C-alpha cells in the first residue's frame, strides 16, 4: 500500500477525528494542493471503520473547502486561494477601463498644517477612534435612516470589517450568501476562511430573494445595497423589504451591507427598518476619497460591534488616528455632489452611446457597466487590439453568464463615442471554438 499518507498516519474512529487528522496534515504542509487522499474504502479498511464514516469525514473537509472531489481522480487537496484570483494585471499601453480605480482628479488635497502637532495623535495608549471621524460617520449613517445609538466603529477597510464579522459568526464550512456576480476580493476572503459562497442571481432590482430555508441555513448574507460591483444595479425598496422580512424569520443569519458607493449614490438607501437581529452596515471612504485610504466606519447590532472591536483590540489594536483624522478632513470637505455628477454624466453618456449602437443596458449607478457577452476572452482581446483594457467577468462570476466590466474612472467624455463603437464591434466578434 502507498505510504504517502502514513507519515504521520491518518487516524481516527469517527468522522470528526478522521477529518481533524487530515486537516492537521494539511496545516503542517504535508499534503500539497492537488495531492490525492486515499480512496474511501481503502482508508476505511486501514482504520477499521465503516466506509460511510470516511465518506462523512471527506464531506466535512469538502464543506470546509479543504478538499474537492474530481470524479474518477477521487478526492484531492483543494488549491489555495491566491492574490492572482482577485487581482487584474493591466496590459501595458492600453487605456485602463478595467482596474476600477476612481478618477484621481476628483480627489481633494488637504492643508498639511493640521499635521503640525503629531504628538496629539497619541501613542500605545490609544483607546478610542478619532472623534472627528466618528462624528462624520455618525452623521452619514444617520442620514441613511439607520440607528446609530452606539458609537460607530472604525476598521481598516471593508474586507477587514467583513472578515472580523465572519470570523465571529461563521465556522469553517458554513455557507455565506453572496451576489452573483460578486466582488472578487470577497470571494477570495471566503475561500481563505473556508466558507462556502452560495450565489444569488442579480437582476434589475438587485439581488434576488432566496428561499427561507436556504437563508436560515446560511451564517451570513453579504449584499451591496447600491451601485453593485460589477453590475451597477441597486436594490429596489420592494426587494429590500422582502429580504428584511425574510431575515427577521432567520434570527441566526447575519446581514452585511457593503454600501461602498453610499456617499455618491443617486438613490437613497432602501428602508431597512425594522432591522434583523444581527446586522452590519459598512460605509467605506475608499471609493470617494481614494482606494489607498483604508478606512471603513461600521454600524450594526450592539453585540456584534462589541465583539468586532474586542477582536480588533487583540490584533492590530486600532486604526491609525492619523489616517482617521485625514479621512475625516477629506470627507468633510469633499465636493460629493460634484463627484457624483461627474460619474453620472460619464455613465449616462456611455449608456446612451451604446443604445445608439443597439446595446440597451438597464439603469445603473456607480463606477462600472456590466455587459453580457458570448465570449469574454474574445471581447477583451478585441478591445485590447484597439487600445482598451476591459475586465473579463470570470473572476466575478459563480453561476452567472459571461460578461465584461467597463470602469468609468479613467474614461474621458470625448472618448465615449469611439468606445461605444469599439464595444459594439467587439461584442459582434465571433465566438472562439476549441478544436
Protein backbone atom coordinates (compact mmCIF):
# COMPACT_ATOMS: atom_id res chain seq x y z
CA UNK A 1 0.00 0.00 0.00
CA UNK A 2 1.19 3.53 -0.78
CA UNK A 3 2.69 5.34 2.23
CA UNK A 4 2.17 8.92 1.04
CA UNK A 5 -0.39 9.50 3.78
CA UNK A 6 1.12 7.34 6.52
CA UNK A 7 3.89 9.61 7.85
CA UNK A 8 2.28 10.53 10.18
CA UNK A 9 -0.68 8.22 9.51
CA UNK A 10 -4.26 9.33 9.27
CA UNK A 11 -6.00 8.34 12.48
CA UNK A 12 -9.49 8.39 13.96
CA UNK A 13 -12.54 6.30 14.67
CA UNK A 14 -15.20 8.93 13.93
CA UNK A 15 -15.75 11.28 11.01
CA UNK A 16 -14.73 14.25 13.16
CA UNK A 17 -11.50 12.58 14.28
CA UNK A 18 -10.55 11.47 10.76
CA UNK A 19 -11.27 14.92 9.34
CA UNK A 20 -9.21 16.56 12.11
CA UNK A 21 -6.30 14.20 11.43
CA UNK A 22 -6.29 15.01 7.72
CA UNK A 23 -6.65 18.73 8.41
CA UNK A 24 -3.63 18.57 10.72
CA UNK A 25 -1.58 17.13 7.86
CA UNK A 26 -2.83 19.92 5.57
CA UNK A 27 -1.91 22.60 8.09
CA UNK A 28 1.55 21.07 8.51
CA UNK A 29 2.13 21.27 4.75
CA UNK A 30 2.45 17.50 4.34
CA UNK A 31 -0.20 17.48 1.63
CA UNK A 32 0.28 19.85 -1.30
CA UNK A 33 -2.63 21.34 -3.27
CA UNK A 34 -3.81 18.74 -5.74
CA UNK A 35 -2.47 15.81 -3.70
CA UNK A 36 -4.83 12.80 -3.65
CA UNK A 37 -6.36 11.41 -0.49
CA UNK A 38 -6.77 7.67 -0.04
CA UNK A 39 -9.80 6.06 -1.60
CA UNK A 40 -12.71 5.93 0.83
CA UNK A 41 -12.82 2.14 1.04
CA UNK A 42 -9.05 1.78 1.32
CA UNK A 43 -8.82 4.22 4.23
CA UNK A 44 -11.86 2.68 5.92
CA UNK A 45 -10.24 -0.75 5.72
CA UNK A 46 -6.98 0.53 7.19
CA UNK A 47 -8.70 2.37 10.04
CA UNK A 48 -11.17 -0.41 10.72
CA UNK A 49 -14.23 1.81 10.30
CA UNK A 50 -17.27 1.85 8.07
CA UNK A 51 -16.75 3.40 4.64
CA UNK A 52 -19.61 5.81 5.40
CA UNK A 53 -17.54 7.19 8.30
CA UNK A 54 -14.65 8.06 5.97
CA UNK A 55 -17.08 9.48 3.41
CA UNK A 56 -18.56 11.71 6.13
CA UNK A 57 -15.06 12.88 7.09
CA UNK A 58 -14.31 13.77 3.49
CA UNK A 59 -17.64 15.59 3.28
CA UNK A 60 -16.66 17.72 6.29
CA UNK A 61 -13.38 18.63 4.63
CA UNK A 62 -15.14 19.34 1.35
CA UNK A 63 -17.67 21.61 3.08
CA UNK A 64 -14.77 23.48 4.67
CA UNK A 65 -13.20 23.99 1.24
CA UNK A 66 -10.12 21.95 2.14
CA UNK A 67 -10.62 19.20 -0.45
CA UNK A 68 -12.65 18.65 -3.58
CA UNK A 69 -13.92 15.59 -5.40
CA UNK A 70 -12.86 15.27 -9.01
CA UNK A 71 -14.75 12.33 -10.49
CA UNK A 72 -12.50 9.38 -11.27
CA UNK A 73 -9.49 11.25 -9.90
CA UNK A 74 -11.00 10.90 -6.44
CA UNK A 75 -10.70 13.33 -3.56
CA UNK A 76 -7.82 15.81 -3.70
CA UNK A 77 -6.50 18.69 -1.66
CA UNK A 78 -8.10 21.93 -2.82
CA UNK A 79 -5.91 24.66 -4.29
CA UNK A 80 -5.21 27.61 -2.04
CA UNK A 81 -6.76 30.98 -2.82
CA UNK A 82 -4.20 33.31 -4.34
CA UNK A 83 -3.97 37.02 -4.98
CA UNK A 84 -3.94 36.23 -8.71
CA UNK A 85 -7.59 35.20 -8.47
CA UNK A 86 -8.70 38.63 -7.27
CA UNK A 87 -6.17 40.91 -8.98
CA UNK A 88 -6.05 42.16 -12.56
CA UNK A 89 -2.81 42.91 -14.35
CA UNK A 90 -3.28 45.84 -16.72
CA UNK A 91 -1.54 45.24 -20.04
CA UNK A 92 0.86 48.00 -20.99
CA UNK A 93 -0.17 50.62 -23.48
CA UNK A 94 -3.93 50.22 -23.04
CA UNK A 95 -6.48 52.71 -21.74
CA UNK A 96 -7.49 51.47 -18.30
CA UNK A 97 -11.21 50.69 -18.17
CA UNK A 98 -10.56 47.54 -16.16
CA UNK A 99 -8.98 48.24 -12.78
CA UNK A 100 -11.95 50.03 -11.25
CA UNK A 101 -9.89 52.93 -9.91
CA UNK A 102 -11.59 56.21 -9.14
CA UNK A 103 -10.82 59.44 -11.00
CA UNK A 104 -7.88 60.89 -9.07
CA UNK A 105 -8.68 64.37 -10.42
CA UNK A 106 -11.83 64.43 -8.27
CA UNK A 107 -9.92 63.79 -5.04
CA UNK A 108 -9.23 66.71 -2.76
CA UNK A 109 -5.96 68.00 -1.36
CA UNK A 110 -5.80 68.86 2.33
CA UNK A 111 -3.92 71.64 4.09
CA UNK A 112 -0.86 69.98 5.67
CA UNK A 113 -0.88 72.46 8.56
CA UNK A 114 -3.17 70.19 10.59
CA UNK A 115 -0.28 67.69 10.87
CA UNK A 116 1.95 70.16 12.70
CA UNK A 117 1.15 68.73 16.13
CA UNK A 118 1.61 64.99 15.51
CA UNK A 119 2.02 64.37 19.23
CA UNK A 120 -1.71 64.75 19.77
CA UNK A 121 -2.33 61.52 17.87
CA UNK A 122 -1.13 59.60 20.93
CA UNK A 123 0.96 56.51 21.45
CA UNK A 124 0.34 52.95 22.57
CA UNK A 125 -2.38 54.03 24.98
CA UNK A 126 -4.95 54.64 22.22
CA UNK A 127 -8.37 53.51 23.42
CA UNK A 128 -10.79 55.40 21.16
CA UNK A 129 -11.20 56.25 17.50
CA UNK A 130 -10.82 59.82 16.23
CA UNK A 131 -13.82 61.88 17.43
CA UNK A 132 -13.85 63.92 14.19
CA UNK A 133 -14.23 60.79 12.06
CA UNK A 134 -16.78 59.22 14.40
CA UNK A 135 -18.97 62.31 14.24
CA UNK A 136 -18.73 62.50 10.45
CA UNK A 137 -19.55 58.80 10.17
CA UNK A 138 -22.44 59.12 12.62
CA UNK A 139 -23.96 61.90 10.51
CA UNK A 140 -23.55 59.93 7.29
CA UNK A 141 -25.01 56.72 8.72
CA UNK A 142 -27.94 58.53 10.37
CA UNK A 143 -28.66 60.20 7.02
CA UNK A 144 -29.27 56.71 5.61
CA UNK A 145 -32.08 56.15 8.12
CA UNK A 146 -30.08 53.71 10.22
CA UNK A 147 -29.93 53.73 14.02
CA UNK A 148 -26.65 54.99 15.49
CA UNK A 149 -27.36 54.88 19.21
CA UNK A 150 -23.94 53.31 19.70
CA UNK A 151 -20.70 54.89 18.52
CA UNK A 152 -19.66 53.64 15.07
CA UNK A 153 -16.52 51.51 14.93
CA UNK A 154 -13.60 52.09 12.55
CA UNK A 155 -11.82 49.30 10.67
CA UNK A 156 -9.07 49.08 8.07
CA UNK A 157 -11.31 48.85 5.03
CA UNK A 158 -14.39 46.86 4.11
CA UNK A 159 -12.70 43.47 3.85
CA UNK A 160 -11.17 43.90 7.30
CA UNK A 161 -14.61 44.53 8.79
CA UNK A 162 -16.28 41.70 6.85
CA UNK A 163 -13.54 39.26 7.86
CA UNK A 164 -13.92 40.14 11.54
CA UNK A 165 -17.68 39.71 11.41
CA UNK A 166 -17.47 36.38 9.59
CA UNK A 167 -14.81 35.01 11.93
CA UNK A 168 -17.20 35.72 14.78
CA UNK A 169 -20.36 34.43 13.12
CA UNK A 170 -19.31 31.65 10.72
CA UNK A 171 -17.31 28.49 11.33
CA UNK A 172 -15.27 26.89 8.51
CA UNK A 173 -17.60 25.00 6.24
CA UNK A 174 -20.54 27.35 6.81
CA UNK A 175 -22.46 28.88 3.92
CA UNK A 176 -22.44 32.60 3.15
CA UNK A 177 -24.87 34.01 0.59
CA UNK A 178 -23.36 36.45 -1.90
CA UNK A 179 -24.43 38.24 -5.05
CA UNK A 180 -23.61 36.60 -8.38
CA UNK A 181 -21.69 38.22 -9.98
CA UNK A 182 -19.74 39.21 -6.88
CA UNK A 183 -16.82 41.42 -5.85
CA UNK A 184 -13.77 39.11 -6.34
CA UNK A 185 -11.94 40.08 -3.10
CA UNK A 186 -14.97 38.90 -1.14
CA UNK A 187 -14.84 35.52 -2.88
CA UNK A 188 -11.14 35.33 -2.09
CA UNK A 189 -11.84 36.13 1.56
CA UNK A 190 -14.50 33.41 1.79
CA UNK A 191 -12.08 30.89 0.29
CA UNK A 192 -9.38 31.84 2.79
CA UNK A 193 -11.85 31.43 5.67
CA UNK A 194 -13.03 28.09 4.26
CA UNK A 195 -16.57 29.35 3.86
CA UNK A 196 -18.89 28.26 1.07
CA UNK A 197 -20.28 31.03 -1.16
CA UNK A 198 -23.92 30.49 -2.08
CA UNK A 199 -24.64 32.55 -5.23
CA UNK A 200 -27.76 34.68 -5.54
CA UNK A 201 -28.61 35.95 -9.01
CA UNK A 202 -28.74 39.70 -9.61
CA UNK A 203 -31.34 41.35 -11.84
CA UNK A 204 -32.51 44.90 -12.49
CA UNK A 205 -33.89 45.19 -8.92
CA UNK A 206 -30.76 43.88 -7.27
CA UNK A 207 -30.11 40.53 -5.67
CA UNK A 208 -32.96 38.03 -5.89
CA UNK A 209 -34.64 36.90 -2.67
CA UNK A 210 -33.50 33.42 -1.59
CA UNK A 211 -35.67 30.65 -0.19
CA UNK A 212 -36.19 30.95 3.56
CA UNK A 213 -34.70 27.52 4.28
CA UNK A 214 -31.51 28.36 2.37
CA UNK A 215 -31.19 31.73 4.12
CA UNK A 216 -31.75 30.18 7.53
CA UNK A 217 -29.04 27.62 6.79
CA UNK A 218 -26.52 30.37 5.96
CA UNK A 219 -24.30 32.04 8.54
CA UNK A 220 -24.48 35.36 6.71
CA UNK A 221 -25.65 37.17 3.59
CA UNK A 222 -23.38 39.89 2.18
CA UNK A 223 -25.12 42.45 -0.03
CA UNK A 224 -24.34 45.66 -1.88
CA UNK A 225 -27.47 47.80 -1.47
CA UNK A 226 -26.45 50.42 -4.07
CA UNK A 227 -24.21 50.55 -7.14
CA UNK A 228 -23.43 46.83 -7.04
CA UNK A 229 -19.95 45.98 -8.26
CA UNK A 230 -19.83 44.92 -11.07
CA UNK A 231 -23.35 45.43 -12.46
CA UNK A 232 -24.13 48.87 -11.03
CA UNK A 233 -27.71 47.93 -10.08
CA UNK A 234 -29.23 48.97 -6.74
CA UNK A 235 -31.66 47.10 -4.54
CA UNK A 236 -35.21 48.29 -5.06
CA UNK A 237 -37.24 49.21 -1.95
CA UNK A 238 -39.58 46.26 -2.60
CA UNK A 239 -36.70 43.81 -2.92
CA UNK A 240 -35.00 45.15 0.23
CA UNK A 241 -38.26 44.94 2.18
CA UNK A 242 -38.73 41.32 1.11
CA UNK A 243 -35.18 40.47 2.18
CA UNK A 244 -35.59 42.13 5.58
CA UNK A 245 -38.90 40.35 6.21
CA UNK A 246 -37.22 37.06 5.44
CA UNK A 247 -34.17 37.83 7.58
CA UNK A 248 -36.36 38.54 10.59
CA UNK A 249 -37.54 34.93 10.29
CA UNK A 250 -33.91 33.76 10.24
CA UNK A 251 -32.59 35.12 13.56
CA UNK A 252 -29.21 33.38 13.30
CA UNK A 253 -28.27 34.81 9.88
CA UNK A 254 -26.08 37.93 9.78
CA UNK A 255 -26.92 40.66 7.26
CA UNK A 256 -23.83 42.54 5.99
CA UNK A 257 -24.43 45.66 3.88
CA UNK A 258 -21.42 46.90 1.93
CA UNK A 259 -22.59 50.39 0.97
CA UNK A 260 -19.31 51.33 -0.74
CA UNK A 261 -20.92 53.92 -3.06
CA UNK A 262 -23.33 55.30 -0.48
CA UNK A 263 -21.90 58.81 -0.32
CA UNK A 264 -22.13 59.18 -4.11
CA UNK A 265 -25.26 57.13 -4.74
CA UNK A 266 -28.06 58.55 -6.87
CA UNK A 267 -30.83 56.96 -4.78
CA UNK A 268 -31.34 56.81 -1.01
CA UNK A 269 -30.72 53.60 0.86
CA UNK A 270 -33.88 51.45 0.70
CA UNK A 271 -35.67 51.32 4.07
CA UNK A 272 -34.33 48.60 6.37
CA UNK A 273 -36.43 49.08 9.50
CA UNK A 274 -37.19 47.08 11.47
CA UNK A 275 -33.72 45.57 11.16
CA UNK A 276 -32.97 41.85 11.62
CA UNK A 277 -31.40 40.66 14.87
CA UNK A 278 -27.85 40.64 13.52
CA UNK A 279 -26.73 43.28 11.02
CA UNK A 280 -23.66 45.21 9.95
CA UNK A 281 -23.59 48.35 7.79
CA UNK A 282 -20.26 49.41 6.29
CA UNK A 283 -19.52 52.91 4.99
CA UNK A 284 -16.14 52.84 3.27
CA UNK A 285 -14.37 56.03 2.19
CA UNK A 286 -12.21 54.33 -0.45
CA UNK A 287 -14.49 54.96 -3.42
CA UNK A 288 -14.81 58.70 -2.98
CA UNK A 289 -11.56 59.57 -1.20
CA UNK A 290 -9.24 57.12 -2.96
CA UNK A 291 -8.61 53.36 -2.64
CA UNK A 292 -5.45 53.75 -0.55
CA UNK A 293 -7.41 55.37 2.28
CA UNK A 294 -8.24 52.11 4.05
CA UNK A 295 -10.89 53.35 6.46
CA UNK A 296 -14.39 51.99 6.95
CA UNK A 297 -16.96 53.11 9.52
CA UNK A 298 -19.30 50.41 10.77
CA UNK A 299 -22.71 50.46 12.45
CA UNK A 300 -24.54 47.35 13.50
CA UNK A 301 -26.14 45.28 16.20
CA UNK A 302 -24.56 46.09 19.55
CA UNK A 303 -23.21 42.66 20.49
CA UNK A 304 -21.60 42.15 17.08
CA UNK A 305 -19.85 45.54 17.10
CA UNK A 306 -18.58 44.98 20.62
CA UNK A 307 -17.14 41.60 19.66
CA UNK A 308 -15.57 43.01 16.49
CA UNK A 309 -13.95 45.83 18.42
CA UNK A 310 -12.69 43.41 21.09
CA UNK A 311 -11.23 41.21 18.36
CA UNK A 312 -9.55 44.23 16.79
CA UNK A 313 -8.05 45.21 20.16
CA UNK A 314 -6.43 41.79 20.43
CA UNK A 315 -4.88 42.12 16.96
CA UNK A 316 -3.88 45.40 15.28
CA UNK A 317 -5.44 47.24 18.29
CA UNK A 318 -6.59 50.32 16.38
CA UNK A 319 -6.70 52.05 13.01
CA UNK A 320 -4.12 54.83 12.77
CA UNK A 321 -5.55 58.00 14.28
CA UNK A 322 -3.50 59.99 11.78
CA UNK A 323 -5.26 58.15 8.96
CA UNK A 324 -8.63 58.60 10.64
CA UNK A 325 -8.11 62.34 11.03
CA UNK A 326 -7.07 62.65 7.39
CA UNK A 327 -10.16 60.71 6.31
CA UNK A 328 -12.41 62.92 8.44
CA UNK A 329 -10.99 66.11 6.96
CA UNK A 330 -11.17 64.87 3.38
CA UNK A 331 -14.69 63.53 3.92
CA UNK A 332 -15.87 66.84 5.37
CA UNK A 333 -14.52 68.97 2.52
CA UNK A 334 -15.07 66.55 -0.38
CA UNK A 335 -17.41 68.00 -3.06
CA UNK A 336 -19.60 64.89 -3.03
CA UNK A 337 -22.39 66.23 -5.30
CA UNK A 338 -19.86 67.29 -7.94
CA UNK A 339 -18.10 63.93 -7.76
CA UNK A 340 -21.38 62.03 -8.06
CA UNK A 341 -22.42 64.15 -11.08
CA UNK A 342 -19.08 63.56 -12.80
CA UNK A 343 -19.50 59.79 -12.71
CA UNK A 344 -23.21 60.01 -13.55
CA UNK A 345 -22.52 62.11 -16.66
CA UNK A 346 -19.98 59.57 -17.95
CA UNK A 347 -22.23 56.64 -17.10
CA UNK A 348 -25.30 58.10 -18.77
CA UNK A 349 -23.34 59.23 -21.82
CA UNK A 350 -21.83 55.78 -22.35
CA UNK A 351 -25.19 54.05 -21.89
CA UNK A 352 -26.75 56.44 -24.43
CA UNK A 353 -23.91 55.87 -26.91
CA UNK A 354 -24.25 52.10 -26.51
CA UNK A 355 -28.01 52.38 -27.01
CA UNK A 356 -27.33 54.13 -30.31
CA UNK A 357 -25.23 51.09 -31.24
CA UNK A 358 -28.13 48.77 -30.40
CA UNK A 359 -26.91 47.77 -26.93
CA UNK A 360 -29.54 48.54 -24.25
CA UNK A 361 -28.36 48.32 -20.64
CA UNK A 362 -30.52 48.54 -17.50
CA UNK A 363 -30.34 51.61 -15.28
CA UNK A 364 -27.26 51.56 -13.05
CA UNK A 365 -25.24 53.58 -10.58
CA UNK A 366 -21.62 53.64 -9.51
CA UNK A 367 -18.35 53.23 -11.31
CA UNK A 368 -18.99 50.33 -13.69
CA UNK A 369 -21.08 48.99 -16.55
CA UNK A 370 -21.60 45.24 -16.96
CA UNK A 371 -22.10 43.91 -20.48
CA UNK A 372 -23.25 40.37 -21.15
CA UNK A 373 -21.15 38.71 -23.86
CA UNK A 374 -20.82 35.32 -25.50
CA UNK A 375 -17.05 35.05 -25.14
CA UNK A 376 -15.23 37.13 -22.53
CA UNK A 377 -11.75 36.40 -23.85
CA UNK A 378 -12.69 37.26 -27.42
CA UNK A 379 -14.23 40.59 -26.38
CA UNK A 380 -11.30 41.51 -24.13
CA UNK A 381 -8.86 40.66 -26.92
CA UNK A 382 -10.84 42.62 -29.50
CA UNK A 383 -10.92 45.65 -27.21
CA UNK A 384 -7.19 45.36 -26.48
CA UNK A 385 -6.48 45.34 -30.21
CA UNK A 386 -7.96 48.84 -30.46
CA UNK A 387 -6.33 50.16 -27.29
CA UNK A 388 -8.84 49.48 -24.48
CA UNK A 389 -8.41 47.29 -21.40
CA UNK A 390 -11.71 45.93 -20.07
CA UNK A 391 -12.15 43.44 -17.25
CA UNK A 392 -13.29 39.92 -18.19
CA UNK A 393 -16.11 38.85 -15.91
CA UNK A 394 -14.80 35.44 -14.90
CA UNK A 395 -13.32 36.50 -11.51
CA UNK A 396 -16.71 37.95 -10.53
CA UNK A 397 -18.89 35.03 -11.55
CA UNK A 398 -20.07 31.89 -9.78
CA UNK A 399 -23.01 30.71 -11.89
CA UNK A 400 -23.93 33.85 -13.83
CA UNK A 401 -23.22 34.11 -17.54
CA UNK A 402 -20.14 35.57 -19.23
CA UNK A 403 -19.73 39.35 -19.30
CA UNK A 404 -17.15 42.13 -19.26
CA UNK A 405 -16.91 45.04 -16.86
CA UNK A 406 -16.17 48.56 -18.10
CA UNK A 407 -14.97 51.05 -15.46
CA UNK A 408 -15.53 54.79 -15.78
CA UNK A 409 -12.85 56.28 -13.55
CA UNK A 410 -10.35 56.79 -16.37
CA UNK A 411 -12.88 57.49 -19.11
CA UNK A 412 -12.94 60.88 -20.86
CA UNK A 413 -16.22 62.17 -22.25
CA UNK A 414 -14.66 62.83 -25.66
CA UNK A 415 -13.69 59.15 -25.92
CA UNK A 416 -17.17 57.77 -25.31
CA UNK A 417 -18.41 57.66 -28.94
CA UNK A 418 -15.33 55.71 -30.05
CA UNK A 419 -15.53 53.42 -27.02
CA UNK A 420 -19.19 52.62 -27.72
CA UNK A 421 -18.42 51.80 -31.36
CA UNK A 422 -15.46 49.62 -30.37
CA UNK A 423 -17.52 47.79 -27.74
CA UNK A 424 -20.34 47.13 -30.19
CA UNK A 425 -17.91 45.74 -32.74
CA UNK A 426 -16.15 43.61 -30.10
CA UNK A 427 -19.43 42.13 -28.97
CA UNK A 428 -20.12 41.09 -32.56
CA UNK A 429 -16.78 39.26 -32.73
CA UNK A 430 -17.14 35.52 -33.43
CA UNK A 431 -17.10 33.11 -30.50
CA UNK A 432 -13.86 31.18 -30.21
CA UNK A 433 -14.01 27.46 -30.85
CA UNK A 434 -11.73 24.84 -29.36
CA UNK A 435 -10.65 22.18 -31.81
